[in-house]
Structures are given as structure tokens and as C-alpha cells.
N, C-alpha and C. Protein backbone atom coordinates (compact mmCIF):
# COMPACT_ATOMS: atom_id res chain seq x y z
N UNK A 1 96.80 235.06 185.22
CA UNK A 1 95.98 235.79 186.19
C UNK A 1 94.96 236.63 185.43
N UNK A 2 93.77 236.68 185.94
CA UNK A 2 92.72 237.50 185.32
C UNK A 2 93.07 238.97 185.52
N UNK A 3 93.45 239.63 184.44
CA UNK A 3 93.95 241.00 184.55
C UNK A 3 92.89 241.99 185.00
N UNK A 4 91.64 241.68 184.79
CA UNK A 4 90.58 242.62 185.16
C UNK A 4 90.10 242.41 186.59
N UNK A 5 90.53 241.34 187.21
CA UNK A 5 90.07 241.03 188.56
C UNK A 5 90.79 241.90 189.59
N UNK A 6 90.04 242.45 190.52
CA UNK A 6 90.61 243.24 191.60
C UNK A 6 91.33 242.30 192.54
N UNK A 7 92.56 242.64 192.87
CA UNK A 7 93.34 241.85 193.80
C UNK A 7 93.93 242.75 194.88
N UNK A 8 94.31 242.14 195.99
CA UNK A 8 94.94 242.85 197.10
C UNK A 8 96.25 242.15 197.42
N UNK A 9 97.28 242.93 197.63
CA UNK A 9 98.55 242.37 198.09
C UNK A 9 98.51 242.26 199.61
N UNK A 10 99.43 241.49 200.14
CA UNK A 10 99.52 241.35 201.59
C UNK A 10 99.86 242.69 202.23
N UNK A 11 100.70 243.49 201.57
CA UNK A 11 101.03 244.81 202.09
C UNK A 11 99.80 245.71 202.14
N UNK A 12 98.98 245.66 201.10
CA UNK A 12 97.76 246.48 201.08
C UNK A 12 96.81 246.09 202.20
N UNK A 13 96.73 244.80 202.50
CA UNK A 13 95.88 244.35 203.60
C UNK A 13 96.44 244.84 204.93
N UNK A 14 97.76 244.68 205.11
CA UNK A 14 98.39 245.19 206.35
C UNK A 14 98.07 246.66 206.54
N UNK A 15 98.25 247.45 205.49
CA UNK A 15 98.03 248.89 205.58
C UNK A 15 96.56 249.23 205.84
N UNK A 16 95.65 248.55 205.16
CA UNK A 16 94.23 248.83 205.33
C UNK A 16 93.77 248.51 206.75
N UNK A 17 94.40 247.51 207.36
CA UNK A 17 94.03 247.09 208.71
C UNK A 17 94.82 247.85 209.78
N UNK A 18 95.77 248.66 209.35
CA UNK A 18 96.62 249.35 210.31
C UNK A 18 97.49 248.38 211.09
N UNK A 19 97.83 247.27 210.45
CA UNK A 19 98.58 246.20 211.09
C UNK A 19 100.06 246.30 210.73
N UNK A 20 100.89 245.68 211.55
CA UNK A 20 102.32 245.69 211.28
C UNK A 20 102.63 244.77 210.10
N UNK A 21 103.77 245.02 209.46
CA UNK A 21 104.22 244.22 208.33
C UNK A 21 104.23 242.75 208.71
N UNK A 22 103.67 241.93 207.84
CA UNK A 22 103.67 240.49 208.06
C UNK A 22 102.39 239.92 208.65
N UNK A 23 101.51 240.78 209.13
CA UNK A 23 100.26 240.31 209.75
C UNK A 23 99.40 239.54 208.75
N UNK A 24 99.21 240.11 207.56
CA UNK A 24 98.39 239.44 206.54
C UNK A 24 99.08 238.16 206.06
N UNK A 25 100.41 238.18 205.97
CA UNK A 25 101.13 236.98 205.56
C UNK A 25 100.93 235.84 206.56
N UNK A 26 101.01 236.15 207.84
CA UNK A 26 100.78 235.13 208.85
C UNK A 26 99.35 234.57 208.77
N UNK A 27 98.38 235.44 208.53
CA UNK A 27 97.00 234.99 208.36
C UNK A 27 96.89 234.11 207.12
N UNK A 28 97.54 234.52 206.03
CA UNK A 28 97.54 233.72 204.80
C UNK A 28 98.10 232.32 205.08
N UNK A 29 99.21 232.24 205.80
CA UNK A 29 99.80 230.95 206.11
C UNK A 29 98.85 230.06 206.90
N UNK A 30 98.09 230.67 207.82
CA UNK A 30 97.13 229.90 208.61
C UNK A 30 95.98 229.37 207.75
N UNK A 31 95.59 230.13 206.74
CA UNK A 31 94.43 229.79 205.92
C UNK A 31 94.78 229.08 204.61
N UNK A 32 96.06 229.01 204.28
CA UNK A 32 96.49 228.54 202.96
C UNK A 32 95.90 227.19 202.57
N UNK A 33 95.81 226.26 203.51
CA UNK A 33 95.29 224.93 203.19
C UNK A 33 93.83 224.96 202.75
N UNK A 34 93.09 225.99 203.14
CA UNK A 34 91.68 226.09 202.73
C UNK A 34 91.52 226.93 201.47
N UNK A 35 92.60 227.51 200.97
CA UNK A 35 92.55 228.35 199.77
C UNK A 35 92.87 227.52 198.53
N UNK A 36 92.28 227.94 197.41
CA UNK A 36 92.60 227.36 196.11
C UNK A 36 93.33 228.41 195.28
N UNK A 37 94.55 228.05 194.83
CA UNK A 37 95.29 228.97 193.98
C UNK A 37 94.52 229.17 192.68
N UNK A 38 94.40 230.41 192.25
CA UNK A 38 93.64 230.73 191.04
C UNK A 38 92.22 231.15 191.34
N UNK A 39 91.71 230.75 192.50
CA UNK A 39 90.38 231.18 192.94
C UNK A 39 90.49 232.17 194.09
N UNK A 40 91.28 231.84 195.10
CA UNK A 40 91.41 232.67 196.29
C UNK A 40 92.66 233.55 196.26
N UNK A 41 93.68 233.10 195.55
CA UNK A 41 94.92 233.87 195.48
C UNK A 41 95.70 233.49 194.23
N UNK A 42 96.64 234.36 193.90
CA UNK A 42 97.60 234.11 192.84
C UNK A 42 98.99 234.18 193.44
N UNK A 43 99.83 233.25 193.08
CA UNK A 43 101.21 233.23 193.53
C UNK A 43 102.09 233.66 192.37
N UNK A 44 102.87 234.69 192.56
CA UNK A 44 103.76 235.18 191.53
C UNK A 44 105.19 234.82 191.92
N UNK A 45 105.83 234.04 191.10
CA UNK A 45 107.18 233.56 191.34
C UNK A 45 108.21 234.51 190.75
N UNK A 46 109.25 234.78 191.50
CA UNK A 46 110.30 235.69 191.02
C UNK A 46 110.95 235.17 189.75
N UNK A 47 111.00 233.86 189.59
CA UNK A 47 111.64 233.30 188.40
C UNK A 47 110.74 233.35 187.16
N UNK A 48 109.43 233.32 187.35
CA UNK A 48 108.52 233.30 186.20
C UNK A 48 107.73 234.58 186.03
N UNK A 49 107.56 235.35 187.08
CA UNK A 49 106.69 236.53 187.04
C UNK A 49 107.43 237.81 187.44
N UNK A 50 108.72 237.86 187.15
CA UNK A 50 109.53 238.99 187.61
C UNK A 50 109.03 240.34 187.10
N UNK A 51 108.55 240.38 185.87
CA UNK A 51 108.05 241.64 185.31
C UNK A 51 106.83 242.14 186.09
N UNK A 52 105.88 241.25 186.34
CA UNK A 52 104.68 241.65 187.08
C UNK A 52 105.02 242.03 188.53
N UNK A 53 105.96 241.31 189.15
CA UNK A 53 106.38 241.65 190.51
C UNK A 53 107.00 243.03 190.53
N UNK A 54 107.83 243.34 189.56
CA UNK A 54 108.46 244.65 189.51
C UNK A 54 107.42 245.75 189.29
N UNK A 55 106.40 245.48 188.49
CA UNK A 55 105.31 246.45 188.28
C UNK A 55 104.58 246.71 189.60
N UNK A 56 104.32 245.66 190.36
CA UNK A 56 103.67 245.81 191.66
C UNK A 56 104.54 246.62 192.62
N UNK A 57 105.84 246.34 192.60
CA UNK A 57 106.78 247.08 193.45
C UNK A 57 106.80 248.56 193.06
N UNK A 58 106.88 248.83 191.77
CA UNK A 58 106.92 250.21 191.27
C UNK A 58 105.64 250.97 191.61
N UNK A 59 104.52 250.25 191.63
CA UNK A 59 103.23 250.86 191.95
C UNK A 59 103.03 251.02 193.45
N UNK A 60 103.98 250.53 194.25
CA UNK A 60 103.85 250.62 195.71
C UNK A 60 102.85 249.67 196.30
N UNK A 61 102.59 248.55 195.61
CA UNK A 61 101.59 247.59 196.08
C UNK A 61 102.18 246.46 196.90
N UNK A 62 103.50 246.27 196.81
CA UNK A 62 104.15 245.22 197.60
C UNK A 62 105.36 245.83 198.31
N UNK A 63 105.81 245.14 199.34
CA UNK A 63 106.97 245.60 200.08
C UNK A 63 108.21 245.55 199.19
N UNK A 64 109.13 246.46 199.41
CA UNK A 64 110.38 246.51 198.64
C UNK A 64 111.14 245.20 198.72
N UNK A 65 111.06 244.51 199.84
CA UNK A 65 111.82 243.28 200.06
C UNK A 65 111.10 242.03 199.53
N UNK A 66 109.92 242.18 198.97
CA UNK A 66 109.17 241.03 198.47
C UNK A 66 109.92 240.35 197.34
N UNK A 67 110.05 239.04 197.43
CA UNK A 67 110.70 238.26 196.37
C UNK A 67 109.63 237.59 195.51
N UNK A 68 108.79 236.78 196.13
CA UNK A 68 107.64 236.15 195.47
C UNK A 68 106.39 236.82 196.03
N UNK A 69 105.44 237.13 195.16
CA UNK A 69 104.27 237.89 195.61
C UNK A 69 103.03 237.01 195.66
N UNK A 70 102.15 237.37 196.57
CA UNK A 70 100.84 236.73 196.70
C UNK A 70 99.80 237.83 196.53
N UNK A 71 98.86 237.61 195.62
CA UNK A 71 97.75 238.54 195.43
C UNK A 71 96.47 237.81 195.76
N UNK A 72 95.66 238.39 196.63
CA UNK A 72 94.40 237.79 197.05
C UNK A 72 93.25 238.27 196.17
N UNK A 73 92.37 237.36 195.81
CA UNK A 73 91.15 237.71 195.10
C UNK A 73 90.13 238.22 196.14
N UNK A 74 88.97 238.58 195.69
CA UNK A 74 87.92 239.05 196.60
C UNK A 74 87.64 238.02 197.69
N UNK A 75 87.51 236.75 197.29
CA UNK A 75 87.22 235.70 198.27
C UNK A 75 88.34 235.50 199.26
N UNK A 76 89.57 235.48 198.77
CA UNK A 76 90.72 235.32 199.65
C UNK A 76 90.89 236.51 200.58
N UNK A 77 90.68 237.69 200.04
CA UNK A 77 90.77 238.91 200.82
C UNK A 77 89.76 238.89 201.97
N UNK A 78 88.54 238.51 201.66
CA UNK A 78 87.50 238.46 202.69
C UNK A 78 87.82 237.43 203.76
N UNK A 79 88.37 236.29 203.36
CA UNK A 79 88.76 235.26 204.33
C UNK A 79 89.85 235.78 205.26
N UNK A 80 90.81 236.52 204.71
CA UNK A 80 91.89 237.10 205.54
C UNK A 80 91.29 238.09 206.52
N UNK A 81 90.39 238.95 206.03
CA UNK A 81 89.76 239.93 206.92
C UNK A 81 88.98 239.25 208.03
N UNK A 82 88.21 238.23 207.68
CA UNK A 82 87.43 237.50 208.69
C UNK A 82 88.37 236.88 209.73
N UNK A 83 89.47 236.33 209.29
CA UNK A 83 90.44 235.73 210.21
C UNK A 83 91.03 236.80 211.14
N UNK A 84 91.41 237.93 210.57
CA UNK A 84 92.04 238.99 211.36
C UNK A 84 91.05 239.63 212.36
N UNK A 85 89.78 239.68 211.97
CA UNK A 85 88.78 240.30 212.83
C UNK A 85 88.20 239.32 213.84
N UNK A 86 88.39 238.01 213.57
CA UNK A 86 87.81 236.98 214.43
C UNK A 86 88.60 236.81 215.66
């Protein structure tokens, strides 16, 4: 993952939109087929990225119950916002 790239977690999107938990995740699921991993989002696997997931959890960027994390890039974030506002 590009460490300097600004990313948004699904929890951060939910909070920014004042939406209930899971709203951004449901939008992500609807849009996933049009997204490219590495361009629109990063998938962090609990088996391979446990350290980074724990850092996100410690920083309060993901839900406590998150097992595998999804981080949206600027493009993915904007697509989620457009979907939620549309």
C-alpha cells in the first residue's frame, strides 16, 4: 500500500456522513465490481496484514470488531460518497 496516500476506512466514512455502522460497507459491496484493488481501495487481510490492522484499530480508524479492513483511496472514497448522496 502506498504509505503516503490518504485513505479512508469504512468507519471514517460512516462517521463523516453521520450514517449508522455498515452504511459505507453496504455501498462498497454495491460498487465493488467497478472498483480496482490497489487503485480504488486496499484490502487488508487479518492473516497477512494483522500489524497494520491493529495500528488502524489503535488509532480509532476502524471498528473494534473489524477482522479484515478495507481502506478507500481518494477515487474510491469519492465513488462511495456519490453513491450515498445519489
